[in-house]
C-alpha atoms as a PDB file:
ATOM      1  CA  MET A   1      -0.119   0.516  -0.236  1.00  0.00           C
ATOM      2  CA  CYS A   2       1.267   3.379  -0.536  1.00  0.00           C
ATOM      3  CA  GLU A   3       1.379   6.370   1.050  1.00  0.00           C
ATOM      4  CA  THR A   4      -0.441   9.106  -0.131  1.00  0.00           C
ATOM      5  CA  VAL A   5       2.683  12.253  -0.261  1.00  0.00           C
ATOM      6  CA  SER A   6       1.007  14.887   2.249  1.00  0.00           C
ATOM      7  CA  ILE A   7       2.332  18.506  -0.742  1.00  0.00           C
ATOM      8  CA  ARG A   8       1.898  20.246   2.930  1.00  0.00           C
ATOM      9  CA  GLU A   9       4.531  18.393   5.143  1.00  0.00           C
ATOM     10  CA  ASN A  10       6.420  18.410   2.422  1.00  0.00           C
ATOM     11  CA  TYR A  11       6.214  22.140   1.556  1.00  0.00           C
ATOM     12  CA  LEU A  12       6.486  23.243   6.164  1.00  0.00           C
ATOM     13  CA  GLU A  13       9.539  21.316   6.426  1.00  0.00           C
ATOM     14  CA  ILE A  14      10.903  22.597   3.358  1.00  0.00           C
ATOM     15  CA  MET A  15      10.918  25.848   4.675  1.00  0.00           C
ATOM     16  CA  GLU A  16      12.346  24.875   8.465  1.00  0.00           C
ATOM     17  CA  ASN A  17      15.416  22.789   6.285  1.00  0.00           C
ATOM     18  CA  VAL A  18      15.620  26.076   4.904  1.00  0.00           C
ATOM     19  CA  ALA A  19      15.655  29.286   7.091  1.00  0.00           C
ATOM     20  CA  SER A  20      18.063  26.277   8.945  1.00  0.00           C
ATOM     21  CA  ALA A  21      20.141  26.556   6.017  1.00  0.00           C
ATOM     22  CA  ALA A  22      20.016  30.005   5.878  1.00  0.00           C
ATOM     23  CA  ARG A  23      20.502  31.098   9.263  1.00  0.00           C
ATOM     24  CA  GLU A  24      23.538  28.513   9.303  1.00  0.00           C
ATOM     25  CA  ALA A  25      24.882  30.222   6.314  1.00  0.00           C
ATOM     26  CA  GLY A  26      24.382  33.888   8.742  1.00  0.00           C
ATOM     27  CA  ARG A  27      21.934  35.398   6.178  1.00  0.00           C
ATOM     28  CA  LYS A  28      18.249  35.385   7.111  1.00  0.00           C
ATOM     29  CA  PRO A  29      15.708  32.283   6.347  1.00  0.00           C
ATOM     30  CA  GLU A  30      12.706  35.370   5.131  1.00  0.00           C
ATOM     31  CA  ASP A  31      16.242  36.009   3.229  1.00  0.00           C
ATOM     32  CA  VAL A  32      15.496  32.959   0.641  1.00  0.00           C
ATOM     33  CA  ARG A  33      12.950  32.576  -1.166  1.00  0.00           C
ATOM     34  CA  VAL A  34      10.813  29.177  -1.473  1.00  0.00           C
ATOM     35  CA  LEU A  35       9.813  28.600  -5.680  1.00  0.00           C
ATOM     36  CA  ALA A  36       7.815  25.506  -6.030  1.00  0.00           C
ATOM     37  CA  VAL A  37       8.449  23.818  -9.221  1.00  0.00           C
ATOM     38  CA  THR A  38       4.887  22.807 -10.307  1.00  0.00           C
ATOM     39  CA  LYS A  39       5.827  21.577 -14.284  1.00  0.00           C
ATOM     40  CA  PHE A  40       3.475  18.295 -14.777  1.00  0.00           C
ATOM     41  CA  VAL A  41       2.284  18.653 -11.454  1.00  0.00           C
ATOM     42  CA  ASP A  42      -2.107  18.662 -11.224  1.00  0.00           C
ATOM     43  CA  GLU A  43      -3.562  21.595 -10.402  1.00  0.00           C
ATOM     44  CA  ALA A  44      -5.186  20.319  -7.267  1.00  0.00           C
ATOM     45  CA  ARG A  45      -2.204  19.164  -6.036  1.00  0.00           C
ATOM     46  CA  VAL A  46      -0.589  22.125  -6.923  1.00  0.00           C
ATOM     47  CA  ARG A  47      -2.832  24.434  -5.018  1.00  0.00           C
ATOM     48  CA  GLU A  48      -2.029  22.238  -1.437  1.00  0.00           C
ATOM     49  CA  ALA A  49       0.942  22.977  -2.213  1.00  0.00           C
ATOM     50  CA  LEU A  50      -0.644  27.093  -2.647  1.00  0.00           C
ATOM     51  CA  ASP A  51      -2.955  27.113   0.102  1.00  0.00           C
ATOM     52  CA  ALA A  52       0.219  25.503   2.304  1.00  0.00           C
ATOM     53  CA  GLY A  53       1.611  28.769   1.796  1.00  0.00           C
ATOM     54  CA  ALA A  54       3.810  28.555  -1.673  1.00  0.00           C
ATOM     55  CA  ARG A  55       3.970  31.935  -3.269  1.00  0.00           C
ATOM     56  CA  LEU A  56       5.806  31.667  -5.888  1.00  0.00           C
ATOM     57  CA  ALA A  57       5.680  29.548  -9.195  1.00  0.00           C
ATOM     58  CA  GLY A  58       7.884  27.735 -11.599  1.00  0.00           C
ATOM     59  CA  GLU A  59       6.482  26.530 -14.798  1.00  0.00           C
ATOM     60  CA  SER A  60       8.514  24.850 -17.635  1.00  0.00           C
ATOM     61  CA  ARG A  61       6.677  24.023 -20.296  1.00  0.00           C
ATOM     62  CA  VAL A  62       4.537  27.531 -21.794  1.00  0.00           C
ATOM     63  CA  GLN A  63       1.387  25.410 -22.876  1.00  0.00           C
ATOM     64  CA  GLU A  64       1.440  24.140 -19.417  1.00  0.00           C
ATOM     65  CA  LEU A  65       2.076  27.652 -17.898  1.00  0.00           C
ATOM     66  CA  VAL A  66      -0.838  29.390 -19.062  1.00  0.00           C
ATOM     67  CA  GLY A  67      -3.498  26.738 -18.483  1.00  0.00           C
ATOM     68  CA  LYS A  68      -2.311  27.074 -14.647  1.00  0.00           C
ATOM     69  CA  LEU A  69      -2.150  31.110 -14.660  1.00  0.00           C
ATOM     70  CA  PRO A  70      -5.952  31.583 -13.760  1.00  0.00           C
ATOM     71  CA  MET A  71      -5.318  29.014 -10.925  1.00  0.00           C
ATOM     72  CA  PHE A  72      -2.390  30.849  -9.784  1.00  0.00           C
ATOM     73  CA  ALA A  73      -4.334  34.594 -10.498  1.00  0.00           C
ATOM     74  CA  ASP A  74      -6.656  33.029  -7.623  1.00  0.00           C
ATOM     75  CA  TYR A  75      -4.467  32.823  -4.907  1.00  0.00           C
ATOM     76  CA  GLY A  76      -1.694  35.832  -5.963  1.00  0.00           C
ATOM     77  CA  THR A  77       0.831  33.344  -6.955  1.00  0.00           C
ATOM     78  CA  GLU A  78       3.875  35.350  -8.881  1.00  0.00           C
ATOM     79  CA  VAL A  79       5.959  32.908 -11.867  1.00  0.00           C
ATOM     80  CA  HIS A  80       8.275  32.564 -13.533  1.00  0.00           C
ATOM     81  CA  LEU A  81       9.428  30.426 -16.909  1.00  0.00           C
ATOM     82  CA  ILE A  82      12.137  28.614 -15.823  1.00  0.00           C
ATOM     83  CA  GLY A  83      12.146  26.134 -18.886  1.00  0.00           C
ATOM     84  CA  GLN A  84      14.524  26.775 -22.913  1.00  0.00           C
ATOM     85  CA  LEU A  85      11.663  28.742 -24.560  1.00  0.00           C
ATOM     86  CA  GLN A  86      11.050  28.963 -27.744  1.00  0.00           C
ATOM     87  CA  THR A  87      10.940  32.878 -29.450  1.00  0.00           C
ATOM     88  CA  ASN A  88       7.609  31.839 -31.001  1.00  0.00           C
ATOM     89  CA  LYS A  89       6.153  30.885 -27.718  1.00  0.00           C
ATOM     90  CA  VAL A  90       7.556  34.326 -25.861  1.00  0.00           C
ATOM     91  CA  LYS A  91       3.911  35.691 -27.152  1.00  0.00           C
ATOM     92  CA  TYR A  92       2.118  34.207 -24.728  1.00  0.00           C
ATOM     93  CA  ILE A  93       3.894  35.002 -21.349  1.00  0.00           C
ATOM     94  CA  ILE A  94       5.224  38.065 -22.317  1.00  0.00           C
ATOM     95  CA  GLY A  95       4.175  40.289 -19.020  1.00  0.00           C
ATOM     96  CA  LYS A  96       1.866  36.778 -17.750  1.00  0.00           C
ATOM     97  CA  VAL A  97       4.965  36.000 -16.267  1.00  0.00           C
ATOM     98  CA  ALA A  98       7.185  38.204 -13.681  1.00  0.00           C
ATOM     99  CA  VAL A  99      10.738  36.738 -14.552  1.00  0.00           C
ATOM    100  CA  ILE A 100      11.573  34.722 -17.699  1.00  0.00           C
ATOM    101  CA  GLN A 101      14.590  32.716 -15.610  1.00  0.00           C
ATOM    102  CA  SER A 102      16.453  30.768 -19.109  1.00  0.00           C
ATOM    103  CA  VAL A 103      17.748  33.791 -21.676  1.00  0.00           C
ATOM    104  CA  ASP A 104      20.606  32.239 -22.644  1.00  0.00           C
ATOM    105  CA  ARG A 105      21.111  34.074 -25.809  1.00  0.00           C
ATOM    106  CA  ALA A 106      20.520  36.605 -28.037  1.00  0.00           C
ATOM    107  CA  GLU A 107      17.430  36.422 -29.917  1.00  0.00           C
ATOM    108  CA  LEU A 108      15.308  35.690 -27.127  1.00  0.00           C
ATOM    109  CA  ALA A 109      15.986  38.347 -25.090  1.00  0.00           C
ATOM    110  CA  GLN A 110      15.293  40.636 -28.405  1.00  0.00           C
ATOM    111  CA  GLU A 111      12.424  38.773 -28.853  1.00  0.00           C
ATOM    112  CA  ILE A 112      11.137  39.180 -25.894  1.00  0.00           C
ATOM    113  CA  SER A 113      12.354  42.627 -26.051  1.00  0.00           C
ATOM    114  CA  ARG A 114      10.311  43.461 -29.229  1.00  0.00           C
ATOM    115  CA  LEU A 115       6.784  41.934 -28.109  1.00  0.00           C
ATOM    116  CA  ALA A 116       7.445  43.368 -24.459  1.00  0.00           C
ATOM    117  CA  VAL A 117       7.654  46.819 -25.851  1.00  0.00           C
ATOM    118  CA  LYS A 118       5.119  46.408 -28.881  1.00  0.00           C
ATOM    119  CA  ASN A 119       2.610  45.145 -25.442  1.00  0.00           C
ATOM    120  CA  GLY A 120       3.501  47.946 -23.755  1.00  0.00           C
ATOM    121  CA  ALA A 121       5.558  46.223 -20.733  1.00  0.00           C
ATOM    122  CA  VAL A 122       8.926  45.659 -19.116  1.00  0.00           C
ATOM    123  CA  GLN A 123       9.702  42.038 -18.734  1.00  0.00           C
ATOM    124  CA  ASP A 124      12.043  40.770 -16.331  1.00  0.00           C
ATOM    125  CA  ILE A 125      14.038  38.499 -17.381  1.00  0.00           C
ATOM    126  CA  ALA A 126      16.989  35.743 -15.271  1.00  0.00           C
ATOM    127  CA  VAL A 127      20.356  34.867 -17.742  1.00  0.00           C
ATOM    128  CA  GLU A 128      20.801  31.197 -17.087  1.00  0.00           C
ATOM    129  CA  VAL A 129      24.154  30.149 -17.435  1.00  0.00           C
ATOM    130  CA  ASN A 130      25.850  26.674 -18.939  1.00  0.00           C
ATOM    131  CA  ILE A 131      28.117  27.189 -15.527  1.00  0.00           C
ATOM    132  CA  GLY A 132      29.096  23.095 -15.312  1.00  0.00           C
ATOM    133  CA  SER A 133      30.035  24.579 -19.641  1.00  0.00           C
ATOM    134  CA  GLU A 134      28.059  21.067 -20.267  1.00  0.00           C
ATOM    135  CA  GLN A 135      27.467  20.388 -24.413  1.00  0.00           C
ATOM    136  CA  GLN A 136      24.001  19.027 -24.039  1.00  0.00           C
ATOM    137  CA  LYS A 137      22.036  22.382 -21.470  1.00  0.00           C
ATOM    138  CA  GLY A 138      21.344  25.188 -22.348  1.00  0.00           C
ATOM    139  CA  GLY A 139      22.733  29.113 -21.054  1.00  0.00           C
ATOM    140  CA  ILE A 140      25.345  30.530 -22.026  1.00  0.00           C
ATOM    141  CA  LEU A 141      28.716  29.746 -20.846  1.00  0.00           C
ATOM    142  CA  PRO A 142      30.944  31.928 -18.838  1.00  0.00           C
ATOM    143  CA  GLY A 143      33.088  34.007 -20.142  1.00  0.00           C
ATOM    144  CA  GLU A 144      30.495  35.069 -22.240  1.00  0.00           C
ATOM    145  CA  LEU A 145      28.135  36.199 -19.966  1.00  0.00           C
ATOM    146  CA  PHE A 146      29.024  39.410 -19.554  1.00  0.00           C
ATOM    147  CA  PRO A 147      28.943  40.654 -22.292  1.00  0.00           C
ATOM    148  CA  PHE A 148      25.927  39.736 -23.205  1.00  0.00           C
ATOM    149  CA  ILE A 149      24.583  40.644 -20.447  1.00  0.00           C
ATOM    150  CA  GLU A 150      26.284  44.807 -21.717  1.00  0.00           C
ATOM    151  CA  THR A 151      23.805  42.449 -24.738  1.00  0.00           C
ATOM    152  CA  ILE A 152      20.116  42.379 -23.344  1.00  0.00           C
ATOM    153  CA  THR A 153      20.734  45.578 -20.840  1.00  0.00           C
ATOM    154  CA  ALA A 154      20.380  47.801 -24.123  1.00  0.00           C
ATOM    155  CA  LEU A 155      17.194  46.228 -25.026  1.00  0.00           C
ATOM    156  CA  PRO A 156      14.548  48.436 -24.490  1.00  0.00           C
ATOM    157  CA  GLY A 157      11.032  46.695 -22.348  1.00  0.00           C
ATOM    158  CA  VAL A 158      13.172  44.492 -20.297  1.00  0.00           C
ATOM    159  CA  ARG A 159      15.025  44.641 -16.811  1.00  0.00           C
ATOM    160  CA  PHE A 160      17.935  42.654 -15.794  1.00  0.00           C
ATOM    161  CA  ARG A 161      16.613  40.919 -12.509  1.00  0.00           C
ATOM    162  CA  GLY A 162      20.047  38.355 -11.948  1.00  0.00           C
ATOM    163  CA  LEU A 163      21.111  34.395 -12.496  1.00  0.00           C
ATOM    164  CA  MET A 164      19.928  31.049 -12.500  1.00  0.00           C
ATOM    165  CA  CYS A 165      21.929  27.797 -13.186  1.00  0.00           C
ATOM    166  CA  ILE A 166      21.020  24.235 -13.257  1.00  0.00           C
ATOM    167  CA  PRO A 167      24.902  22.984 -12.956  1.00  0.00           C
ATOM    168  CA  PRO A 168      26.276  19.057 -13.643  1.00  0.00           C
ATOM    169  CA  ASP A 169      24.837  16.513 -11.697  1.00  0.00           C
ATOM    170  CA  VAL A 170      27.608  15.901  -9.368  1.00  0.00           C
ATOM    171  CA  GLY A 171      26.232  15.315  -5.982  1.00  0.00           C
ATOM    172  CA  GLU A 172      25.279  17.226  -2.724  1.00  0.00           C
ATOM    173  CA  GLU A 173      29.527  17.927  -1.772  1.00  0.00           C
ATOM    174  CA  GLU A 174      30.448  17.933  -5.326  1.00  0.00           C
ATOM    175  CA  VAL A 175      27.993  20.811  -6.790  1.00  0.00           C
ATOM    176  CA  ARG A 176      29.216  22.829  -4.576  1.00  0.00           C
ATOM    177  CA  ARG A 177      32.012  24.642  -6.560  1.00  0.00           C
ATOM    178  CA  TYR A 178      29.853  25.488  -9.215  1.00  0.00           C
ATOM    179  CA  PHE A 179      27.472  27.334  -6.332  1.00  0.00           C
ATOM    180  CA  ALA A 180      30.164  29.096  -5.532  1.00  0.00           C
ATOM    181  CA  ARG A 181      31.404  29.901  -9.054  1.00  0.00           C
ATOM    182  CA  LEU A 182      27.482  32.068  -9.921  1.00  0.00           C
ATOM    183  CA  ARG A 183      27.667  33.417  -6.787  1.00  0.00           C
ATOM    184  CA  GLU A 184      30.705  35.038  -8.401  1.00  0.00           C
ATOM    185  CA  LEU A 185      29.468  35.631 -11.310  1.00  0.00           C
ATOM    186  CA  TYR A 186      26.514  37.383  -9.790  1.00  0.00           C
ATOM    187  CA  GLU A 187      28.758  39.781  -7.733  1.00  0.00           C
ATOM    188  CA  LYS A 188      31.257  40.831 -10.304  1.00  0.00           C
ATOM    189  CA  ALA A 189      27.252  41.522 -12.228  1.00  0.00           C
ATOM    190  CA  ARG A 190      25.953  43.394  -9.504  1.00  0.00           C
ATOM    191  CA  GLU A 191      29.277  45.581  -9.664  1.00  0.00           C
ATOM    192  CA  LEU A 192      29.560  45.711 -13.173  1.00  0.00           C
ATOM    193  CA  PHE A 193      25.763  46.067 -13.494  1.00  0.00           C
ATOM    194  CA  ALA A 194      24.806  48.300 -10.896  1.00  0.00           C
ATOM    195  CA  GLN A 195      22.134  50.412 -13.100  1.00  0.00           C
ATOM    196  CA  CYS A 196      20.118  47.407 -12.918  1.00  0.00           C
ATOM    197  CA  PRO A 197      18.301  46.281 -10.380  1.00  0.00           C
ATOM    198  CA  ILE A 198      20.415  42.365 -10.261  1.00  0.00           C
ATOM    199  CA  ASP A 199      18.456  40.229  -7.406  1.00  0.00           C
ATOM    200  CA  ILE A 200      18.347  36.487  -8.284  1.00  0.00           C
ATOM    201  CA  LEU A 201      20.503  34.381  -7.481  1.00  0.00           C
ATOM    202  CA  SER A 202      18.600  31.513  -8.553  1.00  0.00           C
ATOM    203  CA  MET A 203      20.339  27.615  -7.876  1.00  0.00           C
ATOM    204  CA  GLY A 204      19.396  24.928  -6.150  1.00  0.00           C
ATOM    205  CA  MET A 205      17.009  22.210  -6.335  1.00  0.00           C
ATOM    206  CA  SER A 206      14.583  19.589  -3.994  1.00  0.00           C
ATOM    207  CA  GLY A 207      18.569  17.701  -3.805  1.00  0.00           C
ATOM    208  CA  ASP A 208      21.131  19.869  -3.185  1.00  0.00           C
ATOM    209  CA  TYR A 209      18.901  23.055  -2.051  1.00  0.00           C
ATOM    210  CA  ARG A 210      20.752  23.387   1.440  1.00  0.00           C
ATOM    211  CA  THR A 211      24.505  23.074  -0.543  1.00  0.00           C
ATOM    212  CA  ALA A 212      23.308  25.881  -2.536  1.00  0.00           C
ATOM    213  CA  ILE A 213      21.845  28.849   0.233  1.00  0.00           C
ATOM    214  CA  ALA A 214      24.941  27.824   2.065  1.00  0.00           C
ATOM    215  CA  GLU A 215      27.179  29.293  -1.455  1.00  0.00           C
ATOM    216  CA  GLY A 216      24.283  32.788  -1.210  1.00  0.00           C
ATOM    217  CA  SER A 217      21.836  31.408  -2.998  1.00  0.00           C
ATOM    218  CA  ASN A 218      18.560  33.756  -3.174  1.00  0.00           C
ATOM    219  CA  MET A 219      15.956  31.079  -5.021  1.00  0.00           C
ATOM    220  CA  VAL A 220      16.095  26.988  -5.021  1.00  0.00           C
ATOM    221  CA  ARG A 221      14.144  25.804  -7.201  1.00  0.00           C
ATOM    222  CA  ILE A 222      12.492  22.789  -5.411  1.00  0.00           C
ATOM    223  CA  GLY A 223      10.095  20.487  -7.222  1.00  0.00           C
ATOM    224  CA  THR A 224       9.804  16.636  -6.218  1.00  0.00           C
ATOM    225  CA  ALA A 225      10.648  17.557  -2.458  1.00  0.00           C
ATOM    226  CA  LEU A 226       7.941  18.966  -2.585  1.00  0.00           C
ATOM    227  CA  PHE A 227       5.135  17.343  -5.319  1.00  0.00           C
ATOM    228  CA  GLY A 228       6.573  14.163  -5.400  1.00  0.00           C
ATOM    229  CA  ALA A 229       7.822  11.879  -7.789  1.00  0.00           C
ATOM    230  CA  ARG A 230       6.103  12.673 -11.435  1.00  0.00           C
ATOM    231  CA  GLN A 231       4.838  11.405 -13.962  1.00  0.00           C
ATOM    232  CA  LYS A 232       6.896  13.416 -16.933  1.00  0.00           C
ATOM    233  CA  THR A 233       5.324  13.422 -19.953  1.00  0.00           C
ATOM    234  CA  PRO A 234       7.395  13.822 -23.757  1.00  0.00           C
ATOM    235  CA  GLY A 235       8.417  17.102 -24.615  1.00  0.00           C
ATOM    236  CA  GLY A 236      11.084  18.901 -25.637  1.00  0.00           C
ATOM    237  CA  LYS A 237      11.735  23.338 -24.748  1.00  0.00           C
ATOM    238  CA  ALA A 238       8.572  25.372 -23.875  1.00  0.00           C
END
């Protein structure tokens, strides 16, 4: 007999762990935000997390995100797009998500800019960094980051807010150096682009969020630890 996953209990435990990790790092618990990753999670179970107190959610696929927007609006949830984004799907989310975290190429940033201006909006974005320089992953390479930021900050209708990464799957201790490297890049970006409201350092997921917090993360993206294992469906980029 399978035990029912208590999403509320999971959420409360995650929040306790985040608070503990923040204090151990000499930081305030409220300085670390928990983003509930709701990809492949049905609305009833997402509502359980929202009822438990979650007010920040991340979706990876545009179609799924758009379908859940009315629910998120009911709860006043701040929604981020965290998956790879095709330029032809930008039109569906401009002005509807708080932050697009996965900006990693000039043509995508330009399309976000074009549609934001067309819609009279300012779209907040974060840059996804391929912190492990892995060929199979999206994200801008670390050595190309600052010229890329310079390019996107010159675009109208977009506001650069920070950095995100999905590090190599090397285990919780080995991943620490990748988180440390992204924190260094984040701090340098804040120095070089002081005119931008840079306040998002999105790193750390279900298996390594405590380590990410120890290395400076202020936004952890939690899916499996909150909702349990999910049934994946076929598909590629958002």
